[in-house]
Amino acid sequence: MLPPTIPIFPLPNVVLFPNVFLPLHIFEPRYRAMVADALAGDRIIGMTLLQPGFEGDYEGRPPVYAIGCAGLITHSEVLPDGRYNIVLRGLERFRIVDEDASHAYRLAHIEALPDPATDTARADVGTRRQRLEAVLAATIERNGGDARLPAAIPDGDLVNALAQYLPLEPLERQALLECHGTAARCDGLIELLEMHTLSADGKTWKDRSIH
């Protein structure tokens, strides 16, 4: 269960998904402080996507999309100059209710948005997996690549890993994150894959694999 207030780390091109790992290099002083405080506490950081037009106010608090994903720091390395290398594991989606401006880094009051975890929800994802794998294979192989998917990965984890690691635009990833439930996310991912298969940019999918 997520705490009601978490630090958020907004970036222009990164979207985190539940149960997916994300390596990050932390160099800005305010976010070094964020990581230090997180490591001294519950080790939770919320990843959010910056809205377009953030450049003019990046050093301040430019708008972010309201829905993000919290992650747990599973690995951390502090470098001699105070920078950090960390790895986050996605935990759960959240919605920002408002922000607390009492720190140099950004803190948000949030409400958790857990994906449905019922047997019916899991079955819905399972029925879509074969279609997802077929569309992904067609997208990659059409451009001379080799689609390699680990058969043992659970259905929901596969959907989230593909949503995070395939060469999608940040706003496409954000739209997938905002889907209510993994089955809806899988449907959205299938639609995006079909669009990319037909697009002139299809070659961006060459030689992609999920390990």
N, C-alpha and C. Protein backbone atom coordinates (compact mmCIF):
# COMPACT_ATOMS: atom_id res chain seq x y z
N MET A 1 0.85 -1.20 0.00
CA MET A 1 0.00 0.00 0.00
C MET A 1 0.88 1.24 0.00
N LEU A 2 0.57 2.19 -0.87
CA LEU A 2 1.39 3.38 -0.98
C LEU A 2 1.09 4.35 0.15
N PRO A 3 2.11 5.08 0.61
CA PRO A 3 1.86 6.13 1.60
C PRO A 3 1.10 7.28 0.95
N PRO A 4 0.43 8.12 1.74
CA PRO A 4 -0.37 9.21 1.16
C PRO A 4 0.46 10.34 0.55
N THR A 5 1.72 10.47 0.95
CA THR A 5 2.60 11.50 0.39
C THR A 5 3.91 10.84 -0.05
N ILE A 6 4.31 11.10 -1.28
CA ILE A 6 5.55 10.53 -1.80
C ILE A 6 6.31 11.60 -2.59
N PRO A 7 7.63 11.49 -2.66
CA PRO A 7 8.38 12.37 -3.56
C PRO A 7 8.11 11.96 -5.00
N ILE A 8 8.07 12.92 -5.89
CA ILE A 8 7.89 12.60 -7.31
C ILE A 8 9.10 13.10 -8.09
N PHE A 9 9.45 12.31 -9.09
CA PHE A 9 10.60 12.60 -9.94
C PHE A 9 10.09 12.76 -11.36
N PRO A 10 9.83 13.99 -11.80
CA PRO A 10 9.30 14.20 -13.15
C PRO A 10 10.38 14.21 -14.21
N LEU A 11 10.14 13.50 -15.29
CA LEU A 11 11.07 13.46 -16.42
C LEU A 11 10.28 13.64 -17.71
N PRO A 12 10.94 14.08 -18.79
CA PRO A 12 10.21 14.34 -20.03
C PRO A 12 9.98 13.12 -20.91
N ASN A 13 10.64 12.01 -20.62
CA ASN A 13 10.57 10.88 -21.55
C ASN A 13 10.56 9.51 -20.87
N VAL A 14 10.25 9.46 -19.58
CA VAL A 14 10.29 8.19 -18.85
C VAL A 14 8.95 7.94 -18.18
N VAL A 15 8.40 6.75 -18.41
CA VAL A 15 7.17 6.31 -17.75
C VAL A 15 7.44 4.95 -17.14
N LEU A 16 7.16 4.81 -15.86
CA LEU A 16 7.38 3.56 -15.14
C LEU A 16 6.08 2.78 -15.06
N PHE A 17 6.17 1.45 -15.13
CA PHE A 17 5.01 0.58 -15.03
C PHE A 17 5.19 -0.40 -13.88
N PRO A 18 4.08 -0.88 -13.31
CA PRO A 18 4.18 -1.83 -12.19
C PRO A 18 4.99 -3.07 -12.56
N ASN A 19 5.81 -3.50 -11.60
CA ASN A 19 6.61 -4.73 -11.72
C ASN A 19 7.67 -4.68 -12.82
N VAL A 20 8.04 -3.48 -13.24
CA VAL A 20 9.10 -3.32 -14.23
C VAL A 20 10.24 -2.55 -13.58
N PHE A 21 11.48 -2.89 -13.92
CA PHE A 21 12.64 -2.25 -13.33
C PHE A 21 13.10 -1.08 -14.20
N LEU A 22 13.57 -0.03 -13.54
CA LEU A 22 14.00 1.18 -14.23
C LEU A 22 15.30 1.69 -13.60
N PRO A 23 16.42 1.67 -14.35
CA PRO A 23 17.67 2.26 -13.83
C PRO A 23 17.65 3.77 -14.05
N LEU A 24 18.16 4.51 -13.08
CA LEU A 24 18.18 5.98 -13.16
C LEU A 24 19.51 6.51 -12.65
N HIS A 25 19.96 7.57 -13.28
CA HIS A 25 21.15 8.29 -12.81
C HIS A 25 20.68 9.63 -12.26
N ILE A 26 20.94 9.90 -11.00
CA ILE A 26 20.43 11.09 -10.32
C ILE A 26 21.59 12.07 -10.12
N PHE A 27 21.47 13.26 -10.72
CA PHE A 27 22.59 14.20 -10.64
C PHE A 27 22.18 15.58 -10.15
N GLU A 28 20.92 15.98 -10.32
CA GLU A 28 20.51 17.30 -9.84
C GLU A 28 20.52 17.34 -8.32
N PRO A 29 20.99 18.43 -7.70
CA PRO A 29 21.05 18.49 -6.23
C PRO A 29 19.72 18.22 -5.55
N ARG A 30 18.62 18.77 -6.08
CA ARG A 30 17.33 18.57 -5.41
C ARG A 30 16.91 17.10 -5.44
N TYR A 31 17.26 16.41 -6.50
CA TYR A 31 16.86 15.00 -6.59
C TYR A 31 17.87 14.08 -5.91
N ARG A 32 19.10 14.56 -5.73
CA ARG A 32 20.00 13.82 -4.84
C ARG A 32 19.43 13.82 -3.43
N ALA A 33 18.95 14.99 -3.00
CA ALA A 33 18.34 15.08 -1.67
C ALA A 33 17.11 14.18 -1.58
N MET A 34 16.34 14.12 -2.65
CA MET A 34 15.16 13.26 -2.68
C MET A 34 15.56 11.80 -2.47
N VAL A 35 16.58 11.35 -3.19
CA VAL A 35 17.02 9.96 -3.07
C VAL A 35 17.56 9.68 -1.67
N ALA A 36 18.35 10.60 -1.14
CA ALA A 36 18.89 10.42 0.21
C ALA A 36 17.77 10.28 1.23
N ASP A 37 16.74 11.12 1.11
CA ASP A 37 15.62 11.03 2.04
C ASP A 37 14.83 9.74 1.84
N ALA A 38 14.66 9.33 0.58
CA ALA A 38 13.93 8.09 0.32
C ALA A 38 14.68 6.89 0.89
N LEU A 39 16.00 6.87 0.73
CA LEU A 39 16.80 5.76 1.25
C LEU A 39 16.75 5.70 2.77
N ALA A 40 16.59 6.85 3.40
CA ALA A 40 16.50 6.90 4.85
C ALA A 40 15.09 6.56 5.35
N GLY A 41 14.14 6.47 4.41
CA GLY A 41 12.76 6.20 4.77
C GLY A 41 12.23 4.93 4.13
N ASP A 42 11.13 5.06 3.39
CA ASP A 42 10.48 3.87 2.83
C ASP A 42 10.98 3.47 1.45
N ARG A 43 11.93 4.23 0.90
CA ARG A 43 12.59 3.94 -0.39
C ARG A 43 11.64 4.06 -1.58
N ILE A 44 10.55 4.80 -1.44
CA ILE A 44 9.57 4.94 -2.51
C ILE A 44 9.71 6.29 -3.19
N ILE A 45 9.70 6.26 -4.52
CA ILE A 45 9.72 7.46 -5.36
C ILE A 45 8.64 7.30 -6.43
N GLY A 46 7.93 8.38 -6.69
CA GLY A 46 6.91 8.35 -7.75
C GLY A 46 7.45 8.94 -9.04
N MET A 47 7.35 8.20 -10.12
CA MET A 47 7.77 8.68 -11.43
C MET A 47 6.57 9.31 -12.14
N THR A 48 6.77 10.52 -12.66
CA THR A 48 5.71 11.21 -13.40
C THR A 48 6.29 11.77 -14.70
N LEU A 49 5.43 11.97 -15.67
CA LEU A 49 5.85 12.50 -16.97
C LEU A 49 5.54 13.99 -17.03
N LEU A 50 6.55 14.78 -17.42
CA LEU A 50 6.35 16.21 -17.61
C LEU A 50 5.44 16.47 -18.81
N GLN A 51 4.57 17.45 -18.67
CA GLN A 51 3.72 17.83 -19.78
C GLN A 51 4.52 18.67 -20.78
N PRO A 52 4.11 18.67 -22.05
CA PRO A 52 4.82 19.46 -23.06
C PRO A 52 4.90 20.93 -22.65
N GLY A 53 6.02 21.58 -23.00
CA GLY A 53 6.23 22.98 -22.67
C GLY A 53 6.90 23.21 -21.33
N PHE A 54 7.46 22.15 -20.77
CA PHE A 54 8.09 22.24 -19.45
C PHE A 54 9.42 22.99 -19.46
N GLU A 55 10.03 23.12 -20.63
CA GLU A 55 11.42 23.58 -20.71
C GLU A 55 11.64 24.93 -20.02
N GLY A 56 10.71 25.86 -20.18
CA GLY A 56 10.91 27.19 -19.63
C GLY A 56 10.89 27.25 -18.11
N ASP A 57 10.33 26.21 -17.48
CA ASP A 57 10.21 26.21 -16.02
C ASP A 57 10.77 24.93 -15.42
N TYR A 58 11.73 24.30 -16.12
CA TYR A 58 12.20 23.01 -15.64
C TYR A 58 12.78 23.09 -14.23
N GLU A 59 13.47 24.18 -13.92
CA GLU A 59 14.08 24.30 -12.60
C GLU A 59 13.04 24.55 -11.51
N GLY A 60 11.82 24.87 -11.90
CA GLY A 60 10.75 25.09 -10.93
C GLY A 60 9.87 23.86 -10.78
N ARG A 61 8.58 24.07 -10.95
CA ARG A 61 7.62 22.98 -10.78
C ARG A 61 6.64 22.97 -11.96
N PRO A 62 7.14 22.64 -13.14
CA PRO A 62 6.26 22.64 -14.32
C PRO A 62 5.20 21.55 -14.21
N PRO A 63 4.09 21.69 -14.94
CA PRO A 63 3.01 20.71 -14.85
C PRO A 63 3.45 19.31 -15.26
N VAL A 64 2.91 18.34 -14.54
CA VAL A 64 3.12 16.92 -14.86
C VAL A 64 1.76 16.28 -15.07
N TYR A 65 1.76 15.13 -15.74
CA TYR A 65 0.52 14.37 -15.85
C TYR A 65 0.14 13.83 -14.48
N ALA A 66 -1.15 13.81 -14.20
CA ALA A 66 -1.61 13.50 -12.85
C ALA A 66 -1.38 12.06 -12.45
N ILE A 67 -1.33 11.16 -13.42
CA ILE A 67 -1.18 9.74 -13.10
C ILE A 67 0.27 9.32 -13.34
N GLY A 68 0.86 8.72 -12.32
CA GLY A 68 2.22 8.21 -12.40
C GLY A 68 2.29 6.82 -11.80
N CYS A 69 3.51 6.35 -11.61
CA CYS A 69 3.71 5.02 -11.01
C CYS A 69 4.80 5.13 -9.95
N ALA A 70 4.50 4.64 -8.77
CA ALA A 70 5.49 4.64 -7.69
C ALA A 70 6.44 3.47 -7.86
N GLY A 71 7.68 3.69 -7.45
CA GLY A 71 8.68 2.63 -7.52
C GLY A 71 9.45 2.52 -6.22
N LEU A 72 9.93 1.32 -5.97
CA LEU A 72 10.75 1.05 -4.79
C LEU A 72 12.21 0.98 -5.20
N ILE A 73 13.07 1.70 -4.49
CA ILE A 73 14.51 1.63 -4.77
C ILE A 73 15.02 0.26 -4.32
N THR A 74 15.38 -0.57 -5.28
CA THR A 74 15.89 -1.90 -4.96
C THR A 74 17.41 -1.96 -4.96
N HIS A 75 18.03 -0.99 -5.57
CA HIS A 75 19.50 -0.92 -5.62
C HIS A 75 19.90 0.54 -5.63
N SER A 76 20.96 0.88 -4.91
CA SER A 76 21.45 2.26 -4.92
C SER A 76 22.96 2.26 -4.81
N GLU A 77 23.57 3.20 -5.50
CA GLU A 77 25.02 3.40 -5.44
C GLU A 77 25.27 4.90 -5.38
N VAL A 78 25.91 5.36 -4.33
CA VAL A 78 26.24 6.77 -4.25
C VAL A 78 27.65 6.96 -4.78
N LEU A 79 27.83 7.90 -5.68
CA LEU A 79 29.12 8.15 -6.30
C LEU A 79 29.90 9.18 -5.48
N PRO A 80 31.23 9.27 -5.68
CA PRO A 80 32.05 10.17 -4.86
C PRO A 80 31.60 11.63 -4.88
N ASP A 81 31.01 12.08 -5.98
CA ASP A 81 30.59 13.48 -6.07
C ASP A 81 29.16 13.70 -5.61
N GLY A 82 28.52 12.66 -5.05
CA GLY A 82 27.18 12.81 -4.52
C GLY A 82 26.06 12.40 -5.45
N ARG A 83 26.40 12.09 -6.71
CA ARG A 83 25.38 11.57 -7.61
C ARG A 83 25.00 10.15 -7.20
N TYR A 84 23.86 9.69 -7.72
CA TYR A 84 23.40 8.34 -7.41
C TYR A 84 23.10 7.57 -8.69
N ASN A 85 23.37 6.29 -8.65
CA ASN A 85 22.79 5.34 -9.59
C ASN A 85 21.81 4.49 -8.78
N ILE A 86 20.57 4.45 -9.24
CA ILE A 86 19.56 3.66 -8.53
C ILE A 86 18.78 2.80 -9.51
N VAL A 87 18.10 1.81 -8.97
CA VAL A 87 17.17 1.00 -9.75
C VAL A 87 15.84 1.01 -9.01
N LEU A 88 14.78 1.35 -9.74
CA LEU A 88 13.44 1.32 -9.18
C LEU A 88 12.70 0.09 -9.71
N ARG A 89 11.89 -0.50 -8.85
CA ARG A 89 10.93 -1.53 -9.30
C ARG A 89 9.54 -0.94 -9.17
N GLY A 90 8.81 -0.90 -10.27
CA GLY A 90 7.47 -0.34 -10.25
C GLY A 90 6.56 -1.05 -9.26
N LEU A 91 5.83 -0.28 -8.49
CA LEU A 91 4.93 -0.84 -7.48
C LEU A 91 3.47 -0.72 -7.89
N GLU A 92 3.01 0.54 -8.04
CA GLU A 92 1.57 0.76 -8.21
C GLU A 92 1.35 2.14 -8.82
N ARG A 93 0.30 2.25 -9.58
CA ARG A 93 -0.05 3.55 -10.14
C ARG A 93 -0.65 4.45 -9.06
N PHE A 94 -0.58 5.76 -9.30
CA PHE A 94 -1.19 6.71 -8.38
C PHE A 94 -1.68 7.93 -9.15
N ARG A 95 -2.55 8.68 -8.51
CA ARG A 95 -3.01 9.98 -9.04
C ARG A 95 -2.60 11.07 -8.07
N ILE A 96 -2.01 12.14 -8.60
CA ILE A 96 -1.64 13.28 -7.76
C ILE A 96 -2.88 14.08 -7.39
N VAL A 97 -3.07 14.30 -6.11
CA VAL A 97 -4.18 15.10 -5.62
C VAL A 97 -3.76 16.57 -5.51
N ASP A 98 -2.61 16.81 -4.88
CA ASP A 98 -2.00 18.13 -4.85
C ASP A 98 -0.54 17.96 -4.46
N GLU A 99 0.18 19.08 -4.43
CA GLU A 99 1.62 19.03 -4.12
C GLU A 99 1.94 19.80 -2.85
N ASP A 100 3.00 19.36 -2.20
CA ASP A 100 3.55 19.99 -1.00
C ASP A 100 4.84 20.68 -1.40
N ALA A 101 4.91 21.99 -1.23
CA ALA A 101 6.07 22.77 -1.68
C ALA A 101 7.08 23.01 -0.57
N SER A 102 7.08 22.18 0.47
CA SER A 102 7.96 22.43 1.62
C SER A 102 9.39 21.95 1.41
N HIS A 103 9.66 21.21 0.34
CA HIS A 103 11.00 20.70 0.07
C HIS A 103 11.52 21.26 -1.25
N ALA A 104 12.82 21.17 -1.43
CA ALA A 104 13.41 21.60 -2.70
C ALA A 104 12.95 20.69 -3.84
N TYR A 105 12.83 19.40 -3.56
CA TYR A 105 12.28 18.48 -4.55
C TYR A 105 10.76 18.44 -4.39
N ARG A 106 10.11 17.75 -5.31
CA ARG A 106 8.65 17.78 -5.35
C ARG A 106 8.05 16.64 -4.53
N LEU A 107 7.09 16.99 -3.70
CA LEU A 107 6.33 16.02 -2.91
C LEU A 107 4.87 16.11 -3.36
N ALA A 108 4.23 14.97 -3.44
CA ALA A 108 2.83 14.96 -3.87
C ALA A 108 1.97 14.18 -2.90
N HIS A 109 0.79 14.72 -2.64
CA HIS A 109 -0.26 13.96 -1.94
C HIS A 109 -0.98 13.16 -3.01
N ILE A 110 -1.11 11.88 -2.78
CA ILE A 110 -1.59 11.00 -3.86
C ILE A 110 -2.72 10.10 -3.37
N GLU A 111 -3.39 9.50 -4.35
CA GLU A 111 -4.29 8.38 -4.09
C GLU A 111 -3.83 7.22 -4.96
N ALA A 112 -3.78 6.04 -4.37
CA ALA A 112 -3.32 4.86 -5.11
C ALA A 112 -4.36 4.43 -6.14
N LEU A 113 -3.87 3.91 -7.26
CA LEU A 113 -4.73 3.41 -8.34
C LEU A 113 -4.32 1.98 -8.69
N PRO A 114 -4.56 1.04 -7.81
CA PRO A 114 -4.13 -0.34 -8.10
C PRO A 114 -4.87 -0.93 -9.29
N ASP A 115 -4.14 -1.66 -10.12
CA ASP A 115 -4.78 -2.39 -11.21
C ASP A 115 -5.60 -3.53 -10.61
N PRO A 116 -6.76 -3.84 -11.20
CA PRO A 116 -7.56 -4.97 -10.69
C PRO A 116 -6.73 -6.25 -10.66
N ALA A 117 -6.88 -7.00 -9.57
CA ALA A 117 -6.08 -8.22 -9.41
C ALA A 117 -6.97 -9.44 -9.16
N THR A 118 -8.18 -9.40 -9.68
CA THR A 118 -9.10 -10.52 -9.51
C THR A 118 -8.77 -11.63 -10.51
N ASP A 119 -9.33 -12.80 -10.26
CA ASP A 119 -9.14 -13.91 -11.20
C ASP A 119 -9.69 -13.55 -12.58
N THR A 120 -10.80 -12.84 -12.60
CA THR A 120 -11.40 -12.44 -13.88
C THR A 120 -10.47 -11.50 -14.63
N ALA A 121 -9.89 -10.54 -13.90
CA ALA A 121 -8.97 -9.59 -14.54
C ALA A 121 -7.75 -10.30 -15.11
N ARG A 122 -7.20 -11.26 -14.35
CA ARG A 122 -6.04 -12.01 -14.85
C ARG A 122 -6.42 -12.84 -16.07
N ALA A 123 -7.61 -13.43 -16.05
CA ALA A 123 -8.05 -14.24 -17.19
C ALA A 123 -8.23 -13.37 -18.43
N ASP A 124 -8.71 -12.14 -18.24
CA ASP A 124 -8.89 -11.23 -19.37
C ASP A 124 -7.56 -10.93 -20.05
N VAL A 125 -6.51 -10.76 -19.26
CA VAL A 125 -5.18 -10.51 -19.83
C VAL A 125 -4.68 -11.76 -20.55
N GLY A 126 -4.89 -12.91 -19.94
CA GLY A 126 -4.44 -14.16 -20.54
C GLY A 126 -5.04 -14.41 -21.91
N THR A 127 -6.31 -14.06 -22.07
CA THR A 127 -6.95 -14.29 -23.36
C THR A 127 -6.42 -13.36 -24.44
N ARG A 128 -5.80 -12.26 -24.04
CA ARG A 128 -5.29 -11.29 -25.00
C ARG A 128 -3.82 -11.53 -25.33
N ARG A 129 -3.13 -12.36 -24.55
CA ARG A 129 -1.68 -12.51 -24.72
C ARG A 129 -1.31 -13.02 -26.11
N GLN A 130 -2.03 -14.03 -26.59
CA GLN A 130 -1.68 -14.61 -27.88
C GLN A 130 -1.78 -13.57 -28.99
N ARG A 131 -2.83 -12.73 -28.93
CA ARG A 131 -2.98 -11.68 -29.93
C ARG A 131 -1.86 -10.66 -29.82
N LEU A 132 -1.50 -10.30 -28.60
CA LEU A 132 -0.41 -9.34 -28.38
C LEU A 132 0.90 -9.87 -28.95
N GLU A 133 1.22 -11.13 -28.66
CA GLU A 133 2.48 -11.70 -29.14
C GLU A 133 2.50 -11.79 -30.66
N ALA A 134 1.35 -12.13 -31.25
CA ALA A 134 1.29 -12.24 -32.71
C ALA A 134 1.50 -10.89 -33.38
N VAL A 135 0.86 -9.85 -32.84
CA VAL A 135 1.00 -8.51 -33.43
C VAL A 135 2.42 -8.00 -33.25
N LEU A 136 3.00 -8.24 -32.08
CA LEU A 136 4.38 -7.80 -31.85
C LEU A 136 5.34 -8.49 -32.80
N ALA A 137 5.19 -9.80 -32.96
CA ALA A 137 6.07 -10.54 -33.86
C ALA A 137 5.96 -10.04 -35.29
N ALA A 138 4.72 -9.77 -35.74
CA ALA A 138 4.52 -9.27 -37.10
C ALA A 138 5.16 -7.91 -37.28
N THR A 139 5.05 -7.06 -36.26
CA THR A 139 5.61 -5.71 -36.33
C THR A 139 7.13 -5.76 -36.48
N ILE A 140 7.77 -6.61 -35.69
CA ILE A 140 9.23 -6.67 -35.70
C ILE A 140 9.75 -7.41 -36.93
N GLU A 141 9.15 -8.56 -37.23
CA GLU A 141 9.66 -9.38 -38.34
C GLU A 141 9.46 -8.70 -39.68
N ARG A 142 8.44 -7.87 -39.80
CA ARG A 142 8.22 -7.15 -41.05
C ARG A 142 9.40 -6.24 -41.37
N ASN A 143 10.12 -5.84 -40.33
CA ASN A 143 11.25 -4.94 -40.51
C ASN A 143 12.59 -5.65 -40.34
N GLY A 144 12.58 -6.99 -40.47
CA GLY A 144 13.82 -7.73 -40.47
C GLY A 144 14.40 -8.03 -39.11
N GLY A 145 13.62 -7.81 -38.06
CA GLY A 145 14.10 -8.08 -36.72
C GLY A 145 13.70 -9.46 -36.24
N ASP A 146 14.03 -9.74 -35.02
CA ASP A 146 13.75 -11.05 -34.42
C ASP A 146 13.03 -10.82 -33.11
N ALA A 147 11.76 -11.21 -33.03
CA ALA A 147 10.98 -11.03 -31.81
C ALA A 147 11.23 -12.20 -30.88
N ARG A 148 11.82 -11.90 -29.72
CA ARG A 148 12.11 -12.95 -28.74
C ARG A 148 11.42 -12.58 -27.43
N LEU A 149 10.47 -13.39 -27.02
CA LEU A 149 9.73 -13.13 -25.80
C LEU A 149 9.93 -14.28 -24.82
N PRO A 150 10.21 -13.99 -23.57
CA PRO A 150 10.35 -15.05 -22.57
C PRO A 150 8.99 -15.67 -22.26
N ALA A 151 8.87 -16.95 -22.50
CA ALA A 151 7.58 -17.62 -22.34
C ALA A 151 7.12 -17.66 -20.89
N ALA A 152 8.05 -17.64 -19.96
CA ALA A 152 7.68 -17.84 -18.56
C ALA A 152 7.17 -16.58 -17.87
N ILE A 153 7.31 -15.42 -18.49
CA ILE A 153 6.90 -14.18 -17.84
C ILE A 153 5.38 -14.14 -17.70
N PRO A 154 4.85 -13.78 -16.53
CA PRO A 154 3.40 -13.71 -16.35
C PRO A 154 2.75 -12.71 -17.32
N ASP A 155 1.48 -12.93 -17.62
CA ASP A 155 0.80 -12.13 -18.64
C ASP A 155 0.86 -10.63 -18.32
N GLY A 156 0.48 -10.26 -17.10
CA GLY A 156 0.46 -8.85 -16.75
C GLY A 156 1.83 -8.22 -16.78
N ASP A 157 2.85 -8.95 -16.32
CA ASP A 157 4.21 -8.43 -16.33
C ASP A 157 4.71 -8.25 -17.76
N LEU A 158 4.30 -9.14 -18.66
CA LEU A 158 4.69 -9.01 -20.07
C LEU A 158 4.11 -7.73 -20.66
N VAL A 159 2.85 -7.48 -20.40
CA VAL A 159 2.21 -6.26 -20.93
C VAL A 159 2.93 -5.02 -20.43
N ASN A 160 3.19 -4.98 -19.13
CA ASN A 160 3.85 -3.80 -18.55
C ASN A 160 5.28 -3.64 -19.05
N ALA A 161 6.01 -4.75 -19.20
CA ALA A 161 7.38 -4.67 -19.70
C ALA A 161 7.40 -4.17 -21.14
N LEU A 162 6.50 -4.66 -21.97
CA LEU A 162 6.44 -4.20 -23.35
C LEU A 162 6.08 -2.72 -23.40
N ALA A 163 5.13 -2.30 -22.57
CA ALA A 163 4.73 -0.90 -22.54
C ALA A 163 5.89 0.01 -22.18
N GLN A 164 6.78 -0.48 -21.32
CA GLN A 164 7.91 0.34 -20.89
C GLN A 164 9.09 0.28 -21.84
N TYR A 165 9.37 -0.88 -22.42
CA TYR A 165 10.63 -1.06 -23.15
C TYR A 165 10.52 -0.93 -24.66
N LEU A 166 9.34 -1.11 -25.24
CA LEU A 166 9.24 -0.95 -26.68
C LEU A 166 9.41 0.52 -27.06
N PRO A 167 9.85 0.80 -28.30
CA PRO A 167 10.15 2.17 -28.71
C PRO A 167 8.89 2.99 -28.99
N LEU A 168 8.15 3.28 -27.94
CA LEU A 168 6.96 4.10 -28.03
C LEU A 168 7.29 5.55 -27.68
N GLU A 169 6.43 6.44 -28.11
CA GLU A 169 6.57 7.83 -27.72
C GLU A 169 6.17 7.98 -26.25
N PRO A 170 6.75 8.96 -25.53
CA PRO A 170 6.38 9.14 -24.12
C PRO A 170 4.88 9.30 -23.89
N LEU A 171 4.19 10.03 -24.77
CA LEU A 171 2.76 10.22 -24.58
C LEU A 171 1.99 8.92 -24.84
N GLU A 172 2.52 8.07 -25.69
CA GLU A 172 1.89 6.76 -25.89
C GLU A 172 2.04 5.91 -24.63
N ARG A 173 3.22 5.95 -24.02
CA ARG A 173 3.41 5.22 -22.77
C ARG A 173 2.49 5.77 -21.68
N GLN A 174 2.38 7.08 -21.62
CA GLN A 174 1.52 7.68 -20.60
C GLN A 174 0.07 7.23 -20.79
N ALA A 175 -0.39 7.19 -22.01
CA ALA A 175 -1.75 6.73 -22.28
C ALA A 175 -1.94 5.29 -21.82
N LEU A 176 -0.92 4.46 -22.03
CA LEU A 176 -1.02 3.07 -21.58
C LEU A 176 -1.04 2.99 -20.06
N LEU A 177 -0.22 3.80 -19.40
CA LEU A 177 -0.21 3.80 -17.94
C LEU A 177 -1.57 4.20 -17.40
N GLU A 178 -2.24 5.12 -18.07
CA GLU A 178 -3.52 5.61 -17.57
C GLU A 178 -4.67 4.63 -17.81
N CYS A 179 -4.45 3.59 -18.58
CA CYS A 179 -5.49 2.57 -18.78
C CYS A 179 -5.85 1.94 -17.44
N HIS A 180 -7.14 1.72 -17.22
CA HIS A 180 -7.58 1.11 -15.97
C HIS A 180 -7.52 -0.41 -16.09
N GLY A 181 -6.46 -0.97 -15.60
CA GLY A 181 -6.31 -2.41 -15.62
C GLY A 181 -5.39 -2.89 -16.72
N THR A 182 -4.78 -4.05 -16.49
CA THR A 182 -3.80 -4.57 -17.43
C THR A 182 -4.45 -5.04 -18.72
N ALA A 183 -5.69 -5.53 -18.67
CA ALA A 183 -6.36 -5.96 -19.89
C ALA A 183 -6.58 -4.77 -20.82
N ALA A 184 -7.03 -3.65 -20.27
CA ALA A 184 -7.21 -2.45 -21.09
C ALA A 184 -5.87 -1.97 -21.63
N ARG A 185 -4.81 -2.08 -20.81
CA ARG A 185 -3.48 -1.68 -21.26
C ARG A 185 -3.02 -2.58 -22.40
N CYS A 186 -3.33 -3.86 -22.30
CA CYS A 186 -2.97 -4.80 -23.37
C CYS A 186 -3.69 -4.44 -24.67
N ASP A 187 -4.98 -4.11 -24.58
CA ASP A 187 -5.73 -3.70 -25.77
C ASP A 187 -5.10 -2.45 -26.38
N GLY A 188 -4.74 -1.49 -25.53
CA GLY A 188 -4.12 -0.27 -26.03
C GLY A 188 -2.79 -0.54 -26.69
N LEU A 189 -2.02 -1.45 -26.11
CA LEU A 189 -0.72 -1.80 -26.68
C LEU A 189 -0.88 -2.48 -28.03
N ILE A 190 -1.85 -3.36 -28.15
CA ILE A 190 -2.11 -4.00 -29.44
C ILE A 190 -2.45 -2.97 -30.51
N GLU A 191 -3.29 -2.00 -30.14
CA GLU A 191 -3.65 -0.95 -31.10
C GLU A 191 -2.43 -0.14 -31.53
N LEU A 192 -1.57 0.18 -30.58
CA LEU A 192 -0.36 0.94 -30.92
C LEU A 192 0.56 0.14 -31.83
N LEU A 193 0.72 -1.15 -31.52
CA LEU A 193 1.57 -1.99 -32.34
C LEU A 193 1.04 -2.08 -33.77
N GLU A 194 -0.26 -2.21 -33.90
CA GLU A 194 -0.85 -2.27 -35.24
C GLU A 194 -0.64 -0.96 -35.98
N MET A 195 -0.75 0.15 -35.28
CA MET A 195 -0.50 1.45 -35.92
C MET A 195 0.95 1.58 -36.37
N HIS A 196 1.88 1.14 -35.52
CA HIS A 196 3.29 1.24 -35.87
C HIS A 196 3.65 0.31 -37.02
N THR A 197 2.97 -0.82 -37.09
CA THR A 197 3.22 -1.75 -38.20
C THR A 197 2.88 -1.10 -39.53
N LEU A 198 1.84 -0.29 -39.53
CA LEU A 198 1.38 0.34 -40.76
C LEU A 198 2.08 1.65 -41.05
N SER A 199 2.78 2.19 -40.06
CA SER A 199 3.37 3.52 -40.22
C SER A 199 4.68 3.47 -41.00
N ALA A 200 5.07 4.61 -41.48
CA ALA A 200 6.35 4.72 -42.20
C ALA A 200 7.53 4.59 -41.28
N ASP A 201 7.29 4.68 -39.97
CA ASP A 201 8.37 4.60 -39.00
C ASP A 201 8.58 3.18 -38.50
N GLY A 202 8.04 2.21 -39.19
CA GLY A 202 8.11 0.84 -38.71
C GLY A 202 9.50 0.33 -38.44
N LYS A 203 10.50 0.86 -39.15
CA LYS A 203 11.87 0.36 -38.98
C LYS A 203 12.44 0.65 -37.61
N THR A 204 11.79 1.52 -36.83
CA THR A 204 12.27 1.75 -35.48
C THR A 204 12.11 0.53 -34.60
N TRP A 205 11.37 -0.46 -35.07
CA TRP A 205 11.12 -1.66 -34.27
C TRP A 205 12.15 -2.76 -34.54
N LYS A 206 13.05 -2.54 -35.47
CA LYS A 206 13.99 -3.60 -35.86
C LYS A 206 14.89 -3.99 -34.70
N ASP A 207 15.10 -5.30 -34.58
CA ASP A 207 16.05 -5.86 -33.62
C ASP A 207 15.68 -5.55 -32.17
N ARG A 208 14.38 -5.43 -31.88
CA ARG A 208 13.94 -5.20 -30.52
C ARG A 208 13.62 -6.55 -29.87
N SER A 209 13.96 -6.68 -28.62
CA SER A 209 13.60 -7.90 -27.88
C SER A 209 13.39 -7.53 -26.43
N ILE A 210 12.66 -8.36 -25.73
CA ILE A 210 12.42 -8.20 -24.30
C ILE A 210 13.11 -9.35 -23.59
N HIS A 211 13.99 -9.03 -22.68
CA HIS A 211 14.75 -10.06 -21.96
C HIS A 211 14.26 -10.15 -20.52
